Amino acid sequence: MSEGDTAESWSAGAQVVSFPGPFPRAAPQVSFHRDELRIILNLYGRMVAEGEWRDYTIDFTREKAVFSIHRRTSERPLYRIEKDPRLARRQGAYAVIAETGRILKRGHDLAQVLRVLEKPLRVV
């Protein structure tokens, strides 16, 4: 608006842009629920206590949620626990994937899928 323009003349030619709310909506993300995180972190805590794992990362995207397990912070993840709701009806929403990209186990029940990461008991 220049000095000669009045507020009425400037606003008369302006277009009004409206949004559905105060801010545009962000795309929904897939995430782990509290019970799912409890199951994952229980396993993670046991493996950290045994000295097998040391670090983890969590990624949330529109397509899937990924919990990555690292032996060391600077290395690639040893395992990835993925939740992909698009596969829930067919193969199961949960998968454990090795560092090489091989799918170790896939299924509908997270606790059952994570059993592939548990160490077998040894006789002492």
N, C-alpha and C. Protein backbone atom coordinates (compact mmCIF):
# COMPACT_ATOMS: atom_id res chain seq x y z
N MET A 1 0.85 -1.16 0.00
CA MET A 1 0.00 0.00 0.00
C MET A 1 0.89 1.22 0.00
N SER A 2 0.68 2.12 -0.92
CA SER A 2 1.48 3.33 -0.98
C SER A 2 0.85 4.40 -0.10
N GLU A 3 1.55 5.54 0.01
CA GLU A 3 1.06 6.60 0.90
C GLU A 3 -0.24 7.21 0.43
N GLY A 4 -0.46 7.27 -0.90
CA GLY A 4 -1.67 7.89 -1.44
C GLY A 4 -2.90 7.01 -1.34
N ASP A 5 -2.73 5.72 -1.21
CA ASP A 5 -3.87 4.81 -1.15
C ASP A 5 -4.50 4.84 0.24
N THR A 6 -5.78 4.73 0.23
CA THR A 6 -6.47 4.60 1.51
C THR A 6 -6.74 3.13 1.77
N ALA A 7 -7.09 2.82 2.97
CA ALA A 7 -7.35 1.44 3.34
C ALA A 7 -8.53 0.88 2.56
N GLU A 8 -9.54 1.74 2.27
CA GLU A 8 -10.72 1.27 1.57
C GLU A 8 -10.39 0.92 0.12
N SER A 9 -9.60 1.75 -0.55
CA SER A 9 -9.30 1.49 -1.95
C SER A 9 -8.37 0.28 -2.08
N TRP A 10 -7.49 0.09 -1.13
CA TRP A 10 -6.56 -1.04 -1.21
C TRP A 10 -7.28 -2.35 -0.95
N SER A 11 -8.15 -2.39 0.03
CA SER A 11 -8.84 -3.63 0.38
C SER A 11 -9.96 -3.95 -0.60
N ALA A 12 -10.43 -3.00 -1.36
CA ALA A 12 -11.52 -3.25 -2.29
C ALA A 12 -11.07 -4.18 -3.41
N GLY A 13 -9.81 -4.11 -3.83
CA GLY A 13 -9.33 -4.96 -4.91
C GLY A 13 -8.67 -6.24 -4.42
N ALA A 14 -8.55 -6.43 -3.13
CA ALA A 14 -7.86 -7.59 -2.58
C ALA A 14 -8.78 -8.81 -2.62
N GLN A 15 -8.16 -9.99 -2.79
CA GLN A 15 -8.91 -11.23 -2.76
C GLN A 15 -8.78 -11.84 -1.37
N VAL A 16 -9.83 -12.46 -0.93
CA VAL A 16 -9.83 -13.08 0.37
C VAL A 16 -9.52 -14.57 0.19
N VAL A 17 -8.51 -15.05 0.92
CA VAL A 17 -8.14 -16.45 0.87
C VAL A 17 -8.52 -17.05 2.22
N SER A 18 -9.29 -18.13 2.18
CA SER A 18 -9.69 -18.75 3.45
C SER A 18 -9.13 -20.16 3.52
N PHE A 19 -8.78 -20.55 4.72
CA PHE A 19 -8.30 -21.89 5.01
C PHE A 19 -9.36 -22.60 5.84
N PRO A 20 -9.37 -23.93 5.85
CA PRO A 20 -10.37 -24.64 6.65
C PRO A 20 -10.23 -24.42 8.15
N GLY A 21 -9.08 -24.03 8.61
CA GLY A 21 -8.85 -23.78 10.03
C GLY A 21 -7.77 -22.74 10.17
N PRO A 22 -7.27 -22.55 11.38
CA PRO A 22 -6.23 -21.55 11.56
C PRO A 22 -4.93 -21.93 10.85
N PHE A 23 -4.66 -23.23 10.70
CA PHE A 23 -3.45 -23.69 10.02
C PHE A 23 -3.83 -24.82 9.08
N PRO A 24 -3.10 -24.97 7.98
CA PRO A 24 -3.38 -26.12 7.12
C PRO A 24 -3.06 -27.42 7.85
N ARG A 25 -3.82 -28.46 7.57
CA ARG A 25 -3.63 -29.75 8.25
C ARG A 25 -2.38 -30.45 7.74
N ALA A 26 -1.65 -31.03 8.65
CA ALA A 26 -0.49 -31.84 8.29
C ALA A 26 -0.98 -33.24 7.92
N ALA A 27 -0.22 -33.90 7.08
CA ALA A 27 -0.58 -35.27 6.70
C ALA A 27 -0.47 -36.18 7.92
N PRO A 28 -1.41 -37.10 8.10
CA PRO A 28 -1.35 -38.00 9.27
C PRO A 28 -0.14 -38.92 9.17
N GLN A 29 0.44 -39.22 10.31
CA GLN A 29 1.60 -40.09 10.38
C GLN A 29 1.22 -41.40 11.06
N VAL A 30 1.88 -42.46 10.64
CA VAL A 30 1.72 -43.75 11.31
C VAL A 30 2.65 -43.74 12.51
N SER A 31 2.18 -44.19 13.64
CA SER A 31 3.02 -44.21 14.85
C SER A 31 2.72 -45.47 15.65
N PHE A 32 3.59 -45.74 16.60
CA PHE A 32 3.38 -46.85 17.52
C PHE A 32 2.50 -46.37 18.67
N HIS A 33 1.57 -47.20 19.08
CA HIS A 33 0.74 -46.88 20.24
C HIS A 33 1.51 -47.21 21.52
N ARG A 34 0.98 -46.79 22.63
CA ARG A 34 1.65 -46.98 23.92
C ARG A 34 1.93 -48.46 24.21
N ASP A 35 0.96 -49.33 23.98
CA ASP A 35 1.17 -50.76 24.25
C ASP A 35 2.23 -51.36 23.33
N GLU A 36 2.24 -50.93 22.08
CA GLU A 36 3.26 -51.41 21.14
C GLU A 36 4.65 -50.97 21.58
N LEU A 37 4.77 -49.71 21.98
CA LEU A 37 6.07 -49.22 22.44
C LEU A 37 6.51 -49.93 23.71
N ARG A 38 5.57 -50.25 24.59
CA ARG A 38 5.91 -50.98 25.82
C ARG A 38 6.51 -52.35 25.48
N ILE A 39 5.91 -53.05 24.55
CA ILE A 39 6.41 -54.37 24.16
C ILE A 39 7.81 -54.25 23.53
N ILE A 40 7.98 -53.29 22.65
CA ILE A 40 9.28 -53.10 21.98
C ILE A 40 10.35 -52.70 22.98
N LEU A 41 10.03 -51.74 23.86
CA LEU A 41 11.04 -51.25 24.81
C LEU A 41 11.37 -52.28 25.89
N ASN A 42 10.44 -53.16 26.22
CA ASN A 42 10.77 -54.25 27.15
C ASN A 42 11.84 -55.16 26.55
N LEU A 43 11.67 -55.54 25.30
CA LEU A 43 12.66 -56.36 24.61
C LEU A 43 13.98 -55.59 24.49
N TYR A 44 13.90 -54.33 24.11
CA TYR A 44 15.10 -53.51 23.96
C TYR A 44 15.86 -53.41 25.29
N GLY A 45 15.16 -53.20 26.38
CA GLY A 45 15.80 -53.09 27.69
C GLY A 45 16.52 -54.37 28.09
N ARG A 46 15.90 -55.52 27.82
CA ARG A 46 16.55 -56.80 28.13
C ARG A 46 17.83 -56.98 27.30
N MET A 47 17.78 -56.62 26.03
CA MET A 47 18.95 -56.79 25.17
C MET A 47 20.06 -55.79 25.50
N VAL A 48 19.71 -54.61 25.97
CA VAL A 48 20.72 -53.65 26.42
C VAL A 48 21.38 -54.17 27.68
N ALA A 49 20.60 -54.75 28.59
CA ALA A 49 21.16 -55.31 29.82
C ALA A 49 22.13 -56.46 29.53
N GLU A 50 21.89 -57.21 28.45
CA GLU A 50 22.79 -58.28 28.05
C GLU A 50 23.99 -57.78 27.26
N GLY A 51 24.00 -56.50 26.91
CA GLY A 51 25.12 -55.91 26.17
C GLY A 51 25.06 -56.12 24.67
N GLU A 52 23.92 -56.56 24.15
CA GLU A 52 23.78 -56.82 22.71
C GLU A 52 23.50 -55.54 21.91
N TRP A 53 22.60 -54.73 22.42
CA TRP A 53 22.19 -53.51 21.72
C TRP A 53 22.56 -52.30 22.55
N ARG A 54 22.74 -51.16 21.86
CA ARG A 54 23.13 -49.95 22.60
C ARG A 54 22.32 -48.71 22.26
N ASP A 55 21.71 -48.66 21.09
CA ASP A 55 21.03 -47.44 20.69
C ASP A 55 19.82 -47.77 19.82
N TYR A 56 18.90 -46.83 19.72
CA TYR A 56 17.74 -47.01 18.84
C TYR A 56 17.33 -45.69 18.24
N THR A 57 16.60 -45.75 17.15
CA THR A 57 15.98 -44.58 16.54
C THR A 57 14.55 -44.93 16.19
N ILE A 58 13.70 -43.91 16.16
CA ILE A 58 12.31 -44.10 15.78
C ILE A 58 11.99 -43.11 14.67
N ASP A 59 11.38 -43.61 13.60
CA ASP A 59 10.97 -42.77 12.47
C ASP A 59 9.47 -42.96 12.25
N PHE A 60 8.77 -41.84 12.04
CA PHE A 60 7.35 -41.89 11.72
C PHE A 60 7.15 -41.21 10.37
N THR A 61 6.53 -41.92 9.44
CA THR A 61 6.22 -41.35 8.12
C THR A 61 4.74 -41.57 7.84
N ARG A 62 4.29 -41.15 6.68
CA ARG A 62 2.89 -41.36 6.32
C ARG A 62 2.57 -42.83 6.09
N GLU A 63 3.56 -43.58 5.58
CA GLU A 63 3.32 -44.98 5.23
C GLU A 63 3.58 -45.95 6.37
N LYS A 64 4.61 -45.70 7.18
CA LYS A 64 4.98 -46.67 8.21
C LYS A 64 5.71 -46.02 9.37
N ALA A 65 5.74 -46.75 10.48
CA ALA A 65 6.53 -46.37 11.66
C ALA A 65 7.65 -47.38 11.79
N VAL A 66 8.87 -46.90 12.07
CA VAL A 66 10.04 -47.78 12.11
C VAL A 66 10.80 -47.55 13.41
N PHE A 67 11.07 -48.65 14.13
CA PHE A 67 11.92 -48.64 15.32
C PHE A 67 13.19 -49.38 14.92
N SER A 68 14.31 -48.65 14.81
CA SER A 68 15.58 -49.24 14.37
C SER A 68 16.47 -49.49 15.58
N ILE A 69 17.13 -50.65 15.60
CA ILE A 69 17.98 -51.05 16.71
C ILE A 69 19.42 -51.07 16.22
N HIS A 70 20.32 -50.41 16.98
CA HIS A 70 21.72 -50.30 16.59
C HIS A 70 22.62 -50.98 17.62
N ARG A 71 23.70 -51.56 17.14
CA ARG A 71 24.72 -52.07 18.07
C ARG A 71 25.56 -50.90 18.57
N ARG A 72 25.91 -50.00 17.66
CA ARG A 72 26.61 -48.76 18.01
C ARG A 72 25.91 -47.62 17.31
N THR A 73 26.03 -46.43 17.86
CA THR A 73 25.32 -45.28 17.31
C THR A 73 25.73 -44.99 15.88
N SER A 74 26.99 -45.16 15.56
CA SER A 74 27.49 -44.77 14.24
C SER A 74 27.24 -45.82 13.16
N GLU A 75 26.71 -46.98 13.52
CA GLU A 75 26.50 -48.05 12.55
C GLU A 75 25.08 -48.04 11.99
N ARG A 76 24.92 -48.80 10.91
CA ARG A 76 23.59 -49.02 10.37
C ARG A 76 22.79 -49.87 11.35
N PRO A 77 21.46 -49.81 11.29
CA PRO A 77 20.67 -50.59 12.25
C PRO A 77 20.82 -52.10 12.03
N LEU A 78 20.94 -52.81 13.15
CA LEU A 78 20.96 -54.28 13.10
C LEU A 78 19.60 -54.83 12.66
N TYR A 79 18.55 -54.29 13.26
CA TYR A 79 17.19 -54.72 12.97
C TYR A 79 16.29 -53.51 12.87
N ARG A 80 15.24 -53.67 12.09
CA ARG A 80 14.18 -52.66 12.01
C ARG A 80 12.86 -53.34 12.33
N ILE A 81 12.11 -52.75 13.23
CA ILE A 81 10.77 -53.21 13.54
C ILE A 81 9.83 -52.22 12.87
N GLU A 82 9.08 -52.69 11.88
CA GLU A 82 8.24 -51.80 11.09
C GLU A 82 6.77 -52.09 11.31
N LYS A 83 5.99 -51.01 11.34
CA LYS A 83 4.53 -51.11 11.40
C LYS A 83 4.00 -50.45 10.13
N ASP A 84 3.39 -51.25 9.26
CA ASP A 84 2.86 -50.75 7.99
C ASP A 84 1.37 -51.12 7.92
N PRO A 85 0.48 -50.19 8.23
CA PRO A 85 -0.96 -50.51 8.27
C PRO A 85 -1.53 -50.96 6.93
N ARG A 86 -0.89 -50.62 5.83
CA ARG A 86 -1.40 -51.05 4.52
C ARG A 86 -1.35 -52.57 4.36
N LEU A 87 -0.44 -53.23 5.08
CA LEU A 87 -0.30 -54.68 4.99
C LEU A 87 -1.06 -55.41 6.09
N ALA A 88 -1.84 -54.71 6.89
CA ALA A 88 -2.49 -55.31 8.06
C ALA A 88 -3.44 -56.44 7.69
N ARG A 89 -4.16 -56.33 6.62
CA ARG A 89 -5.13 -57.37 6.27
C ARG A 89 -4.48 -58.55 5.55
N ARG A 90 -3.38 -58.31 4.88
CA ARG A 90 -2.78 -59.38 4.09
C ARG A 90 -1.73 -60.14 4.89
N GLN A 91 -0.56 -59.54 5.08
CA GLN A 91 0.57 -60.23 5.69
C GLN A 91 0.74 -59.91 7.16
N GLY A 92 0.12 -58.87 7.61
CA GLY A 92 0.28 -58.42 8.98
C GLY A 92 1.00 -57.08 8.99
N ALA A 93 0.63 -56.23 9.91
CA ALA A 93 1.17 -54.87 9.94
C ALA A 93 2.60 -54.81 10.45
N TYR A 94 3.06 -55.83 11.19
CA TYR A 94 4.36 -55.78 11.84
C TYR A 94 5.37 -56.66 11.11
N ALA A 95 6.62 -56.17 11.06
CA ALA A 95 7.70 -56.94 10.43
C ALA A 95 9.00 -56.65 11.14
N VAL A 96 9.86 -57.66 11.24
CA VAL A 96 11.22 -57.50 11.73
C VAL A 96 12.14 -57.72 10.53
N ILE A 97 12.97 -56.73 10.24
CA ILE A 97 13.83 -56.77 9.07
C ILE A 97 15.28 -56.68 9.52
N ALA A 98 16.12 -57.57 8.98
CA ALA A 98 17.54 -57.60 9.33
C ALA A 98 18.29 -56.49 8.61
N GLU A 99 19.56 -56.33 8.99
CA GLU A 99 20.42 -55.29 8.39
C GLU A 99 20.54 -55.47 6.88
N THR A 100 20.51 -56.69 6.40
CA THR A 100 20.65 -56.98 4.97
C THR A 100 19.38 -56.70 4.18
N GLY A 101 18.26 -56.44 4.87
CA GLY A 101 16.99 -56.20 4.21
C GLY A 101 16.09 -57.43 4.17
N ARG A 102 16.57 -58.53 4.68
CA ARG A 102 15.79 -59.77 4.73
C ARG A 102 14.72 -59.67 5.81
N ILE A 103 13.50 -60.04 5.46
CA ILE A 103 12.40 -60.03 6.42
C ILE A 103 12.49 -61.30 7.25
N LEU A 104 12.75 -61.13 8.55
CA LEU A 104 12.89 -62.28 9.45
C LEU A 104 11.54 -62.85 9.86
N LYS A 105 10.58 -61.96 10.12
CA LYS A 105 9.26 -62.42 10.55
C LYS A 105 8.26 -61.31 10.28
N ARG A 106 7.06 -61.70 9.90
CA ARG A 106 5.98 -60.76 9.63
C ARG A 106 4.70 -61.34 10.22
N GLY A 107 3.84 -60.47 10.76
CA GLY A 107 2.60 -60.99 11.33
C GLY A 107 1.68 -59.92 11.86
N HIS A 108 0.57 -60.38 12.43
CA HIS A 108 -0.45 -59.48 12.96
C HIS A 108 -0.24 -59.15 14.43
N ASP A 109 0.48 -60.00 15.16
CA ASP A 109 0.69 -59.82 16.60
C ASP A 109 2.14 -59.39 16.84
N LEU A 110 2.34 -58.21 17.40
CA LEU A 110 3.69 -57.67 17.60
C LEU A 110 4.53 -58.54 18.52
N ALA A 111 3.97 -59.02 19.61
CA ALA A 111 4.72 -59.84 20.56
C ALA A 111 5.21 -61.12 19.90
N GLN A 112 4.38 -61.73 19.07
CA GLN A 112 4.76 -62.95 18.36
C GLN A 112 5.86 -62.66 17.33
N VAL A 113 5.78 -61.55 16.65
CA VAL A 113 6.78 -61.18 15.64
C VAL A 113 8.13 -60.91 16.30
N LEU A 114 8.12 -60.30 17.48
CA LEU A 114 9.38 -59.95 18.15
C LEU A 114 10.09 -61.16 18.76
N ARG A 115 9.42 -62.28 18.85
CA ARG A 115 10.06 -63.47 19.40
C ARG A 115 11.25 -63.93 18.57
N VAL A 116 11.29 -63.53 17.30
CA VAL A 116 12.42 -63.90 16.45
C VAL A 116 13.72 -63.24 16.94
N LEU A 117 13.61 -62.16 17.69
CA LEU A 117 14.79 -61.44 18.20
C LEU A 117 15.24 -61.94 19.56
N GLU A 118 14.39 -62.70 20.23
CA GLU A 118 14.76 -63.21 21.56
C GLU A 118 15.78 -64.31 21.43
N LYS A 119 16.73 -64.32 22.35
CA LYS A 119 17.74 -65.37 22.37
C LYS A 119 17.18 -66.63 23.03
N PRO A 120 17.50 -67.78 22.49
CA PRO A 120 17.05 -69.01 23.15
C PRO A 120 17.73 -69.18 24.51
N LEU A 121 17.05 -69.82 25.42
CA LEU A 121 17.63 -70.05 26.76
C LEU A 121 18.75 -71.05 26.68
N ARG A 122 19.79 -70.84 27.51
CA ARG A 122 20.93 -71.74 27.55
C ARG A 122 20.96 -72.49 28.89
N VAL A 123 21.51 -73.67 28.86
CA VAL A 123 21.71 -74.42 30.10
C VAL A 123 23.01 -73.92 30.72
N VAL A 124 22.96 -73.57 32.00
CA VAL A 124 24.13 -73.03 32.68
C VAL A 124 24.73 -74.07 33.57
